[in-house]
PDB file of N, CA and C in Angstrom:
ATOM      1  N   MET A   1       4.308  40.042  45.939  1.00  0.00           N
ATOM      2  CA  MET A   1       2.873  40.079  46.240  1.00  0.00           C
ATOM      3  C   MET A   1       2.457  38.694  46.787  1.00  0.00           C
ATOM      4  N   PRO A   2       1.833  38.701  47.953  1.00  0.00           N
ATOM      5  CA  PRO A   2       1.342  37.412  48.578  1.00  0.00           C
ATOM      6  C   PRO A   2       0.361  36.735  47.716  1.00  0.00           C
ATOM      7  N   ASP A   3       0.440  35.456  47.620  1.00  0.00           N
ATOM      8  CA  ASP A   3      -0.512  34.590  46.886  1.00  0.00           C
ATOM      9  C   ASP A   3      -0.497  34.796  45.318  1.00  0.00           C
ATOM     10  N   CYS A   4       0.646  35.307  44.888  1.00  0.00           N
ATOM     11  CA  CYS A   4       0.779  35.411  43.425  1.00  0.00           C
ATOM     12  C   CYS A   4       1.613  34.267  42.858  1.00  0.00           C
ATOM     13  N   LEU A   5       0.985  33.410  42.136  1.00  0.00           N
ATOM     14  CA  LEU A   5       1.748  32.260  41.568  1.00  0.00           C
ATOM     15  C   LEU A   5       2.933  32.568  40.814  1.00  0.00           C
ATOM     16  N   PHE A   6       2.864  33.602  39.950  1.00  0.00           N
ATOM     17  CA  PHE A   6       4.031  34.005  39.132  1.00  0.00           C
ATOM     18  C   PHE A   6       5.151  34.651  40.051  1.00  0.00           C
ATOM     19  N   CYS A   7       4.741  35.395  41.034  1.00  0.00           N
ATOM     20  CA  CYS A   7       5.812  35.938  41.950  1.00  0.00           C
ATOM     21  C   CYS A   7       6.574  34.759  42.584  1.00  0.00           C
ATOM     22  N   GLU A   8       5.823  33.745  43.001  1.00  0.00           N
ATOM     23  CA  GLU A   8       6.429  32.586  43.604  1.00  0.00           C
ATOM     24  C   GLU A   8       7.366  31.868  42.606  1.00  0.00           C
ATOM     25  N   ILE A   9       6.980  31.741  41.339  1.00  0.00           N
ATOM     26  CA  ILE A   9       7.850  31.153  40.417  1.00  0.00           C
ATOM     27  C   ILE A   9       9.067  32.028  40.145  1.00  0.00           C
ATOM     28  N   ALA A  10       8.932  33.288  40.042  1.00  0.00           N
ATOM     29  CA  ALA A  10      10.008  34.273  39.838  1.00  0.00           C
ATOM     30  C   ALA A  10      10.977  34.157  41.008  1.00  0.00           C
ATOM     31  N   GLN A  11      10.567  33.880  42.149  1.00  0.00           N
ATOM     32  CA  GLN A  11      11.390  33.804  43.340  1.00  0.00           C
ATOM     33  C   GLN A  11      11.876  32.369  43.567  1.00  0.00           C
ATOM     34  N   HIS A  12      11.604  31.521  42.660  1.00  0.00           N
ATOM     35  CA  HIS A  12      12.010  30.042  42.676  1.00  0.00           C
ATOM     36  C   HIS A  12      11.453  29.366  43.976  1.00  0.00           C
ATOM     37  N   ARG A  13      10.294  29.757  44.415  1.00  0.00           N
ATOM     38  CA  ARG A  13       9.612  29.024  45.520  1.00  0.00           C
ATOM     39  C   ARG A  13       8.700  27.991  45.021  1.00  0.00           C
ATOM     40  N   ILE A  14       8.214  28.108  43.763  1.00  0.00           N
ATOM     41  CA  ILE A  14       7.468  27.055  43.103  1.00  0.00           C
ATOM     42  C   ILE A  14       8.262  26.718  41.876  1.00  0.00           C
ATOM     43  N   PRO A  15       8.413  25.370  41.638  1.00  0.00           N
ATOM     44  CA  PRO A  15       9.145  24.918  40.538  1.00  0.00           C
ATOM     45  C   PRO A  15       8.483  25.182  39.175  1.00  0.00           C
ATOM     46  N   ALA A  16       9.339  25.443  38.203  1.00  0.00           N
ATOM     47  CA  ALA A  16       8.832  25.692  36.815  1.00  0.00           C
ATOM     48  C   ALA A  16       9.990  25.375  35.869  1.00  0.00           C
ATOM     49  N   GLU A  17       9.674  24.984  34.639  1.00  0.00           N
ATOM     50  CA  GLU A  17      10.711  24.686  33.668  1.00  0.00           C
ATOM     51  C   GLU A  17      11.147  25.989  33.051  1.00  0.00           C
ATOM     52  N   ILE A  18      12.188  26.514  33.660  1.00  0.00           N
ATOM     53  CA  ILE A  18      12.767  27.870  33.257  1.00  0.00           C
ATOM     54  C   ILE A  18      13.424  27.659  31.894  1.00  0.00           C
ATOM     55  N   VAL A  19      13.074  28.616  30.994  1.00  0.00           N
ATOM     56  CA  VAL A  19      13.721  28.645  29.701  1.00  0.00           C
ATOM     57  C   VAL A  19      14.824  29.678  29.655  1.00  0.00           C
ATOM     58  N   GLU A  20      14.557  30.770  30.253  1.00  0.00           N
ATOM     59  CA  GLU A  20      15.558  31.843  30.303  1.00  0.00           C
ATOM     60  C   GLU A  20      15.231  32.772  31.482  1.00  0.00           C
ATOM     61  N   GLU A  21      16.353  33.309  32.069  1.00  0.00           N
ATOM     62  CA  GLU A  21      16.192  34.159  33.212  1.00  0.00           C
ATOM     63  C   GLU A  21      17.201  35.303  33.152  1.00  0.00           C
ATOM     64  N   THR A  22      16.773  36.504  33.383  1.00  0.00           N
ATOM     65  CA  THR A  22      17.667  37.649  33.464  1.00  0.00           C
ATOM     66  C   THR A  22      17.454  38.332  34.765  1.00  0.00           C
ATOM     67  N   GLU A  23      18.144  39.393  35.015  1.00  0.00           N
ATOM     68  CA  GLU A  23      17.978  40.184  36.242  1.00  0.00           C
ATOM     69  C   GLU A  23      16.511  40.578  36.517  1.00  0.00           C
ATOM     70  N   ASN A  24      15.713  40.847  35.446  1.00  0.00           N
ATOM     71  CA  ASN A  24      14.405  41.379  35.658  1.00  0.00           C
ATOM     72  C   ASN A  24      13.294  40.520  35.088  1.00  0.00           C
ATOM     73  N   VAL A  25      13.590  39.450  34.362  1.00  0.00           N
ATOM     74  CA  VAL A  25      12.599  38.722  33.627  1.00  0.00           C
ATOM     75  C   VAL A  25      12.828  37.183  33.783  1.00  0.00           C
ATOM     76  N   VAL A  26      11.786  36.473  33.847  1.00  0.00           N
ATOM     77  CA  VAL A  26      11.857  34.944  33.845  1.00  0.00           C
ATOM     78  C   VAL A  26      10.933  34.490  32.819  1.00  0.00           C
ATOM     79  N   ALA A  27      11.387  33.428  32.051  1.00  0.00           N
ATOM     80  CA  ALA A  27      10.541  32.806  31.042  1.00  0.00           C
ATOM     81  C   ALA A  27      10.465  31.339  31.355  1.00  0.00           C
ATOM     82  N   PHE A  28       9.252  30.760  31.323  1.00  0.00           N
ATOM     83  CA  PHE A  28       9.096  29.283  31.658  1.00  0.00           C
ATOM     84  C   PHE A  28       7.995  28.708  30.831  1.00  0.00           C
ATOM     85  N   ARG A  29       8.034  27.402  30.727  1.00  0.00           N
ATOM     86  CA  ARG A  29       7.084  26.686  29.953  1.00  0.00           C
ATOM     87  C   ARG A  29       5.687  26.674  30.613  1.00  0.00           C
ATOM     88  N   ASP A  30       4.656  26.924  29.846  1.00  0.00           N
ATOM     89  CA  ASP A  30       3.256  26.843  30.369  1.00  0.00           C
ATOM     90  C   ASP A  30       2.940  25.356  30.709  1.00  0.00           C
ATOM     91  N   ILE A  31       2.286  25.238  31.853  1.00  0.00           N
ATOM     92  CA  ILE A  31       1.940  23.862  32.276  1.00  0.00           C
ATOM     93  C   ILE A  31       0.748  23.232  31.501  1.00  0.00           C
ATOM     94  N   LYS A  32      -0.002  24.112  30.799  1.00  0.00           N
ATOM     95  CA  LYS A  32      -1.050  23.703  29.906  1.00  0.00           C
ATOM     96  C   LYS A  32      -0.872  24.287  28.533  1.00  0.00           C
ATOM     97  N   PRO A  33       0.209  23.802  27.834  1.00  0.00           N
ATOM     98  CA  PRO A  33       0.519  24.443  26.498  1.00  0.00           C
ATOM     99  C   PRO A  33      -0.630  24.354  25.475  1.00  0.00           C
ATOM    100  N   GLN A  34      -0.766  25.510  24.814  1.00  0.00           N
ATOM    101  CA  GLN A  34      -1.760  25.653  23.739  1.00  0.00           C
ATOM    102  C   GLN A  34      -1.122  25.528  22.305  1.00  0.00           C
ATOM    103  N   ALA A  35       0.191  25.265  22.323  1.00  0.00           N
ATOM    104  CA  ALA A  35       0.971  25.117  21.018  1.00  0.00           C
ATOM    105  C   ALA A  35       2.177  24.273  21.407  1.00  0.00           C
ATOM    106  N   PRO A  36       2.859  23.783  20.360  1.00  0.00           N
ATOM    107  CA  PRO A  36       4.041  23.000  20.728  1.00  0.00           C
ATOM    108  C   PRO A  36       5.089  23.774  21.495  1.00  0.00           C
ATOM    109  N   THR A  37       5.208  25.064  21.181  1.00  0.00           N
ATOM    110  CA  THR A  37       5.983  25.987  22.056  1.00  0.00           C
ATOM    111  C   THR A  37       5.005  26.940  22.710  1.00  0.00           C
ATOM    112  N   HIS A  38       4.973  26.879  24.011  1.00  0.00           N
ATOM    113  CA  HIS A  38       4.208  27.808  24.779  1.00  0.00           C
ATOM    114  C   HIS A  38       4.980  28.222  25.998  1.00  0.00           C
ATOM    115  N   VAL A  39       5.544  29.411  25.936  1.00  0.00           N
ATOM    116  CA  VAL A  39       6.456  29.951  26.974  1.00  0.00           C
ATOM    117  C   VAL A  39       5.820  31.226  27.531  1.00  0.00           C
ATOM    118  N   LEU A  40       5.827  31.345  28.840  1.00  0.00           N
ATOM    119  CA  LEU A  40       5.375  32.574  29.565  1.00  0.00           C
ATOM    120  C   LEU A  40       6.544  33.414  29.901  1.00  0.00           C
ATOM    121  N   VAL A  41       6.433  34.689  29.597  1.00  0.00           N
ATOM    122  CA  VAL A  41       7.605  35.636  29.929  1.00  0.00           C
ATOM    123  C   VAL A  41       6.984  36.660  30.890  1.00  0.00           C
ATOM    124  N   ILE A  42       7.607  36.779  32.091  1.00  0.00           N
ATOM    125  CA  ILE A  42       7.099  37.596  33.143  1.00  0.00           C
ATOM    126  C   ILE A  42       8.173  38.436  33.709  1.00  0.00           C
ATOM    127  N   PRO A  43       7.803  39.620  34.255  1.00  0.00           N
ATOM    128  CA  PRO A  43       8.777  40.415  35.011  1.00  0.00           C
ATOM    129  C   PRO A  43       8.886  39.748  36.408  1.00  0.00           C
ATOM    130  N   LYS A  44       9.963  39.931  36.963  1.00  0.00           N
ATOM    131  CA  LYS A  44      10.155  39.460  38.372  1.00  0.00           C
ATOM    132  C   LYS A  44       9.359  40.345  39.306  1.00  0.00           C
ATOM    133  N   ALA A  45       9.239  41.620  38.984  1.00  0.00           N
ATOM    134  CA  ALA A  45       8.477  42.563  39.807  1.00  0.00           C
ATOM    135  C   ALA A  45       7.021  42.306  39.590  1.00  0.00           C
ATOM    136  N   HIS A  46       6.220  42.444  40.539  1.00  0.00           N
ATOM    137  CA  HIS A  46       4.729  42.179  40.318  1.00  0.00           C
ATOM    138  C   HIS A  46       4.066  43.496  39.758  1.00  0.00           C
ATOM    139  N   ILE A  47       3.514  43.269  38.556  1.00  0.00           N
ATOM    140  CA  ILE A  47       2.676  44.232  37.895  1.00  0.00           C
ATOM    141  C   ILE A  47       1.426  43.458  37.514  1.00  0.00           C
ATOM    142  N   THR A  48       0.191  43.979  37.801  1.00  0.00           N
ATOM    143  CA  THR A  48      -0.950  43.146  37.716  1.00  0.00           C
ATOM    144  C   THR A  48      -1.279  42.835  36.228  1.00  0.00           C
ATOM    145  N   SER A  49      -1.259  43.695  35.283  1.00  0.00           N
ATOM    146  CA  SER A  49      -1.522  43.422  33.944  1.00  0.00           C
ATOM    147  C   SER A  49      -0.878  44.486  33.027  1.00  0.00           C
ATOM    148  N   ALA A  50      -0.973  44.263  31.717  1.00  0.00           N
ATOM    149  CA  ALA A  50      -0.433  45.243  30.773  1.00  0.00           C
ATOM    150  C   ALA A  50      -1.140  46.599  30.946  1.00  0.00           C
ATOM    151  N   ALA A  51      -2.315  46.608  31.418  1.00  0.00           N
ATOM    152  CA  ALA A  51      -2.962  47.879  31.722  1.00  0.00           C
ATOM    153  C   ALA A  51      -2.277  48.744  32.800  1.00  0.00           C
ATOM    154  N   ASP A  52      -1.492  48.107  33.576  1.00  0.00           N
ATOM    155  CA  ASP A  52      -0.721  48.760  34.628  1.00  0.00           C
ATOM    156  C   ASP A  52       0.737  49.099  34.172  1.00  0.00           C
ATOM    157  N   ILE A  53       1.078  48.844  32.949  1.00  0.00           N
ATOM    158  CA  ILE A  53       2.384  49.207  32.481  1.00  0.00           C
ATOM    159  C   ILE A  53       2.409  50.749  32.369  1.00  0.00           C
ATOM    160  N   ALA A  54       3.412  51.324  33.001  1.00  0.00           N
ATOM    161  CA  ALA A  54       3.516  52.798  33.133  1.00  0.00           C
ATOM    162  C   ALA A  54       4.777  53.228  32.312  1.00  0.00           C
ATOM    163  N   PRO A  55       4.860  54.503  32.041  1.00  0.00           N
ATOM    164  CA  PRO A  55       6.098  54.917  31.295  1.00  0.00           C
ATOM    165  C   PRO A  55       7.432  54.474  31.925  1.00  0.00           C
ATOM    166  N   ASN A  56       7.436  54.350  33.237  1.00  0.00           N
ATOM    167  CA  ASN A  56       8.680  53.912  33.896  1.00  0.00           C
ATOM    168  C   ASN A  56       8.915  52.475  33.673  1.00  0.00           C
ATOM    169  N   HIS A  57       8.008  51.643  33.073  1.00  0.00           N
ATOM    170  CA  HIS A  57       8.180  50.289  32.793  1.00  0.00           C
ATOM    171  C   HIS A  57       8.691  50.020  31.388  1.00  0.00           C
ATOM    172  N   ALA A  58       8.996  51.085  30.670  1.00  0.00           N
ATOM    173  CA  ALA A  58       9.261  50.897  29.185  1.00  0.00           C
ATOM    174  C   ALA A  58      10.482  49.925  29.000  1.00  0.00           C
ATOM    175  N   THR A  59      11.522  50.068  29.780  1.00  0.00           N
ATOM    176  CA  THR A  59      12.673  49.238  29.694  1.00  0.00           C
ATOM    177  C   THR A  59      12.278  47.787  30.025  1.00  0.00           C
ATOM    178  N   LEU A  60      11.509  47.526  30.980  1.00  0.00           N
ATOM    179  CA  LEU A  60      11.124  46.230  31.460  1.00  0.00           C
ATOM    180  C   LEU A  60      10.277  45.606  30.322  1.00  0.00           C
ATOM    181  N   TRP A  61       9.297  46.388  29.827  1.00  0.00           N
ATOM    182  CA  TRP A  61       8.479  45.802  28.675  1.00  0.00           C
ATOM    183  C   TRP A  61       9.342  45.434  27.474  1.00  0.00           C
ATOM    184  N   GLU A  62      10.306  46.245  27.167  1.00  0.00           N
ATOM    185  CA  GLU A  62      11.244  45.948  26.101  1.00  0.00           C
ATOM    186  C   GLU A  62      12.050  44.655  26.397  1.00  0.00           C
ATOM    187  N   GLN A  63      12.436  44.540  27.620  1.00  0.00           N
ATOM    188  CA  GLN A  63      13.166  43.275  28.086  1.00  0.00           C
ATOM    189  C   GLN A  63      12.282  42.057  27.895  1.00  0.00           C
ATOM    190  N   MET A  64      11.020  42.176  28.284  1.00  0.00           N
ATOM    191  CA  MET A  64      10.099  41.046  28.058  1.00  0.00           C
ATOM    192  C   MET A  64       9.913  40.624  26.602  1.00  0.00           C
ATOM    193  N   LEU A  65       9.799  41.618  25.736  1.00  0.00           N
ATOM    194  CA  LEU A  65       9.614  41.395  24.322  1.00  0.00           C
ATOM    195  C   LEU A  65      10.892  40.873  23.715  1.00  0.00           C
ATOM    196  N   SER A  66      11.963  41.413  24.107  1.00  0.00           N
ATOM    197  CA  SER A  66      13.274  40.826  23.596  1.00  0.00           C
ATOM    198  C   SER A  66      13.543  39.430  24.028  1.00  0.00           C
ATOM    199  N   THR A  67      13.129  39.116  25.262  1.00  0.00           N
ATOM    200  CA  THR A  67      13.278  37.739  25.715  1.00  0.00           C
ATOM    201  C   THR A  67      12.387  36.836  24.915  1.00  0.00           C
ATOM    202  N   ALA A  68      11.182  37.301  24.695  1.00  0.00           N
ATOM    203  CA  ALA A  68      10.296  36.374  23.803  1.00  0.00           C
ATOM    204  C   ALA A  68      10.831  36.174  22.484  1.00  0.00           C
ATOM    205  N   ASN A  69      11.442  37.243  21.854  1.00  0.00           N
ATOM    206  CA  ASN A  69      11.941  37.113  20.526  1.00  0.00           C
ATOM    207  C   ASN A  69      13.198  36.138  20.534  1.00  0.00           C
ATOM    208  N   ARG A  70      14.046  36.255  21.571  1.00  0.00           N
ATOM    209  CA  ARG A  70      15.256  35.412  21.639  1.00  0.00           C
ATOM    210  C   ARG A  70      14.797  33.948  21.776  1.00  0.00           C
ATOM    211  N   ILE A  71      13.827  33.718  22.613  1.00  0.00           N
ATOM    212  CA  ILE A  71      13.348  32.311  22.836  1.00  0.00           C
ATOM    213  C   ILE A  71      12.744  31.794  21.588  1.00  0.00           C
ATOM    214  N   ALA A  72      12.031  32.591  20.760  1.00  0.00           N
ATOM    215  CA  ALA A  72      11.494  32.133  19.532  1.00  0.00           C
ATOM    216  C   ALA A  72      12.604  31.596  18.587  1.00  0.00           C
ATOM    217  N   VAL A  73      13.706  32.353  18.579  1.00  0.00           N
ATOM    218  CA  VAL A  73      14.864  31.878  17.772  1.00  0.00           C
ATOM    219  C   VAL A  73      15.445  30.542  18.357  1.00  0.00           C
ATOM    220  N   THR A  74      15.680  30.510  19.593  1.00  0.00           N
ATOM    221  CA  THR A  74      16.243  29.313  20.217  1.00  0.00           C
ATOM    222  C   THR A  74      15.298  28.151  20.143  1.00  0.00           C
ATOM    223  N   GLU A  75      13.977  28.303  20.168  1.00  0.00           N
ATOM    224  CA  GLU A  75      13.094  27.262  20.023  1.00  0.00           C
ATOM    225  C   GLU A  75      12.774  26.846  18.632  1.00  0.00           C
ATOM    226  N   GLY A  76      13.351  27.635  17.604  1.00  0.00           N
ATOM    227  CA  GLY A  76      13.258  27.225  16.195  1.00  0.00           C
ATOM    228  C   GLY A  76      11.920  27.635  15.590  1.00  0.00           C
ATOM    229  N   ILE A  77      11.206  28.580  16.185  1.00  0.00           N
ATOM    230  CA  ILE A  77       9.927  28.989  15.622  1.00  0.00           C
ATOM    231  C   ILE A  77       9.982  30.361  14.982  1.00  0.00           C
ATOM    232  N   ALA A  78      11.076  31.033  15.021  1.00  0.00           N
ATOM    233  CA  ALA A  78      11.189  32.415  14.575  1.00  0.00           C
ATOM    234  C   ALA A  78      10.969  32.595  13.109  1.00  0.00           C
ATOM    235  N   LYS A  79      11.508  31.607  12.252  1.00  0.00           N
ATOM    236  CA  LYS A  79      11.340  31.736  10.776  1.00  0.00           C
ATOM    237  C   LYS A  79       9.995  31.534  10.234  1.00  0.00           C
ATOM    238  N   ARG A  80       9.221  30.638  10.830  1.00  0.00           N
ATOM    239  CA  ARG A  80       7.866  30.287  10.333  1.00  0.00           C
ATOM    240  C   ARG A  80       6.860  31.125  10.972  1.00  0.00           C
ATOM    241  N   GLY A  81       7.104  31.730  12.115  1.00  0.00           N
ATOM    242  CA  GLY A  81       6.189  32.717  12.677  1.00  0.00           C
ATOM    243  C   GLY A  81       5.737  32.203  14.065  1.00  0.00           C
ATOM    244  N   TYR A  82       5.383  33.158  14.945  1.00  0.00           N
ATOM    245  CA  TYR A  82       4.977  32.879  16.307  1.00  0.00           C
ATOM    246  C   TYR A  82       4.033  34.014  16.762  1.00  0.00           C
ATOM    247  N   ARG A  83       3.387  33.809  17.837  1.00  0.00           N
ATOM    248  CA  ARG A  83       2.424  34.763  18.370  1.00  0.00           C
ATOM    249  C   ARG A  83       2.978  35.196  19.766  1.00  0.00           C
ATOM    250  N   VAL A  84       2.782  36.471  20.075  1.00  0.00           N
ATOM    251  CA  VAL A  84       3.064  36.972  21.391  1.00  0.00           C
ATOM    252  C   VAL A  84       1.750  37.656  21.887  1.00  0.00           C
ATOM    253  N   VAL A  85       1.127  37.220  23.010  1.00  0.00           N
ATOM    254  CA  VAL A  85      -0.104  37.601  23.455  1.00  0.00           C
ATOM    255  C   VAL A  85      -0.053  38.012  24.974  1.00  0.00           C
ATOM    256  N   THR A  86      -0.737  38.989  25.333  1.00  0.00           N
ATOM    257  CA  THR A  86      -0.953  39.248  26.734  1.00  0.00           C
ATOM    258  C   THR A  86      -2.419  39.503  26.920  1.00  0.00           C
ATOM    259  N   ASN A  87      -2.974  38.913  27.912  1.00  0.00           N
ATOM    260  CA  ASN A  87      -4.472  39.050  28.230  1.00  0.00           C
ATOM    261  C   ASN A  87      -4.543  40.092  29.361  1.00  0.00           C
ATOM    262  N   VAL A  88      -5.560  40.942  29.285  1.00  0.00           N
ATOM    263  CA  VAL A  88      -5.787  41.974  30.271  1.00  0.00           C
ATOM    264  C   VAL A  88      -7.155  41.809  30.876  1.00  0.00           C
ATOM    265  N   GLY A  89      -7.236  41.356  32.038  1.00  0.00           N
ATOM    266  CA  GLY A  89      -8.492  41.150  32.773  1.00  0.00           C
ATOM    267  C   GLY A  89      -9.218  39.879  32.546  1.00  0.00           C
ATOM    268  N   ASP A  90     -10.120  39.624  33.408  1.00  0.00           N
ATOM    269  CA  ASP A  90     -10.842  38.351  33.336  1.00  0.00           C
ATOM    270  C   ASP A  90     -11.560  38.017  32.012  1.00  0.00           C
ATOM    271  N   ASP A  91     -12.196  39.057  31.489  1.00  0.00           N
ATOM    272  CA  ASP A  91     -12.930  38.780  30.184  1.00  0.00           C
ATOM    273  C   ASP A  91     -12.060  38.448  28.986  1.00  0.00           C
ATOM    274  N   ALA A  92     -10.736  38.898  29.125  1.00  0.00           N
ATOM    275  CA  ALA A  92      -9.839  38.525  28.090  1.00  0.00           C
ATOM    276  C   ALA A  92      -9.075  37.202  28.395  1.00  0.00           C
ATOM    277  N   GLY A  93      -9.431  36.553  29.491  1.00  0.00           N
ATOM    278  CA  GLY A  93      -8.850  35.332  29.828  1.00  0.00           C
ATOM    279  C   GLY A  93      -7.627  35.321  30.728  1.00  0.00           C
ATOM    280  N   GLN A  94      -7.380  36.453  31.329  1.00  0.00           N
ATOM    281  CA  GLN A  94      -6.217  36.588  32.280  1.00  0.00           C
ATOM    282  C   GLN A  94      -6.609  35.858  33.540  1.00  0.00           C
ATOM    283  N   THR A  95      -5.863  34.699  33.777  1.00  0.00           N
ATOM    284  CA  THR A  95      -6.190  33.905  34.956  1.00  0.00           C
ATOM    285  C   THR A  95      -5.271  34.043  36.123  1.00  0.00           C
ATOM    286  N   VAL A  96      -3.975  34.549  35.715  1.00  0.00           N
ATOM    287  CA  VAL A  96      -3.024  34.919  36.796  1.00  0.00           C
ATOM    288  C   VAL A  96      -2.814  36.408  36.663  1.00  0.00           C
ATOM    289  N   HIS A  97      -3.093  37.113  37.703  1.00  0.00           N
ATOM    290  CA  HIS A  97      -3.101  38.614  37.627  1.00  0.00           C
ATOM    291  C   HIS A  97      -1.636  39.099  37.965  1.00  0.00           C
ATOM    292  N   HIS A  98      -0.752  38.720  37.106  1.00  0.00           N
ATOM    293  CA  HIS A  98       0.646  39.214  37.116  1.00  0.00           C
ATOM    294  C   HIS A  98       0.996  39.228  35.576  1.00  0.00           C
ATOM    295  N   VAL A  99       1.284  40.466  35.083  1.00  0.00           N
ATOM    296  CA  VAL A  99       1.513  40.644  33.700  1.00  0.00           C
ATOM    297  C   VAL A  99       2.348  39.603  33.110  1.00  0.00           C
ATOM    298  N   HIS A 100       2.045  39.052  31.943  1.00  0.00           N
ATOM    299  CA  HIS A 100       2.877  38.068  31.293  1.00  0.00           C
ATOM    300  C   HIS A 100       2.586  37.989  29.835  1.00  0.00           C
ATOM    301  N   LEU A 101       3.578  37.558  29.091  1.00  0.00           N
ATOM    302  CA  LEU A 101       3.478  37.383  27.663  1.00  0.00           C
ATOM    303  C   LEU A 101       3.331  35.871  27.384  1.00  0.00           C
ATOM    304  N   HIS A 102       2.464  35.498  26.492  1.00  0.00           N
ATOM    305  CA  HIS A 102       2.434  34.108  26.021  1.00  0.00           C
ATOM    306  C   HIS A 102       3.223  34.096  24.682  1.00  0.00           C
ATOM    307  N   LEU A 103       4.223  33.258  24.617  1.00  0.00           N
ATOM    308  CA  LEU A 103       4.924  33.017  23.352  1.00  0.00           C
ATOM    309  C   LEU A 103       4.415  31.744  22.802  1.00  0.00           C
ATOM    310  N   LEU A 104       3.751  31.740  21.660  1.00  0.00           N
ATOM    311  CA  LEU A 104       3.144  30.554  21.134  1.00  0.00           C
ATOM    312  C   LEU A 104       3.644  30.338  19.693  1.00  0.00           C
ATOM    313  N   GLY A 105       3.991  29.087  19.409  1.00  0.00           N
ATOM    314  CA  GLY A 105       4.478  28.780  18.053  1.00  0.00           C
ATOM    315  C   GLY A 105       4.636  27.285  17.868  1.00  0.00           C
ATOM    316  N   GLY A 106       5.056  26.893  16.665  1.00  0.00           N
ATOM    317  CA  GLY A 106       5.293  25.543  16.368  1.00  0.00           C
ATOM    318  C   GLY A 106       4.057  24.916  15.666  1.00  0.00           C
ATOM    319  N   ARG A 107       3.069  25.716  15.384  1.00  0.00           N
ATOM    320  CA  ARG A 107       1.806  25.289  14.608  1.00  0.00           C
ATOM    321  C   ARG A 107       1.290  26.502  13.966  1.00  0.00           C
ATOM    322  N   SER A 108       0.344  26.267  12.959  1.00  0.00           N
ATOM    323  CA  SER A 108      -0.327  27.318  12.315  1.00  0.00           C
ATOM    324  C   SER A 108      -1.362  27.837  13.305  1.00  0.00           C
ATOM    325  N   MET A 109      -1.505  29.223  13.329  1.00  0.00           N
ATOM    326  CA  MET A 109      -2.404  29.889  14.213  1.00  0.00           C
ATOM    327  C   MET A 109      -3.618  30.381  13.449  1.00  0.00           C
ATOM    328  N   ALA A 110      -4.829  30.283  14.025  1.00  0.00           N
ATOM    329  CA  ALA A 110      -6.007  30.820  13.377  1.00  0.00           C
ATOM    330  C   ALA A 110      -6.250  32.235  13.816  1.00  0.00           C
ATOM    331  N   TRP A 111      -7.060  32.948  13.017  1.00  0.00           N
ATOM    332  CA  TRP A 111      -7.509  34.346  13.400  1.00  0.00           C
ATOM    333  C   TRP A 111      -8.921  34.406  13.094  1.00  0.00           C
ATOM    334  N   PRO A 112      -9.785  35.006  13.877  1.00  0.00           N
ATOM    335  CA  PRO A 112      -9.461  35.557  15.175  1.00  0.00           C
ATOM    336  C   PRO A 112      -9.254  34.550  16.250  1.00  0.00           C
ATOM    337  N   PRO A 113      -8.467  34.750  17.252  1.00  0.00           N
ATOM    338  CA  PRO A 113      -8.321  33.873  18.387  1.00  0.00           C
ATOM    339  C   PRO A 113      -9.549  33.774  19.244  1.00  0.00           C
ATOM    340  N   GLY A 114      -9.526  32.809  20.107  1.00  0.00           N
ATOM    341  CA  GLY A 114     -10.688  32.675  21.046  1.00  0.00           C
ATOM    342  C   GLY A 114     -11.905  32.276  20.402  1.00  0.00           C
TER     343      GLY A 114
END
């Protein structure tokens, strides 16, 4: 998709600190981390938000979650706990309109968020 920051990162046109990459998914460090570990997990294919995940995306969604879980282990945050978040739409704080998961950990999290 033209003018999509995350599509550009997925295609390696914009640099990012890549944590993991598979055939369908890219994970990279957030440039404005909100926790000691803050990694974004995105599909390489452009999907606007989680609201646009369709039944045919089930495998891709599972790959994104599995990637987040693997990174939590390699980052050393899996045992103490971590948060996986996706924002849908402007009011929820979605600033890049390409579906993504935020993997956050390495500190205690409050509830409710925001």
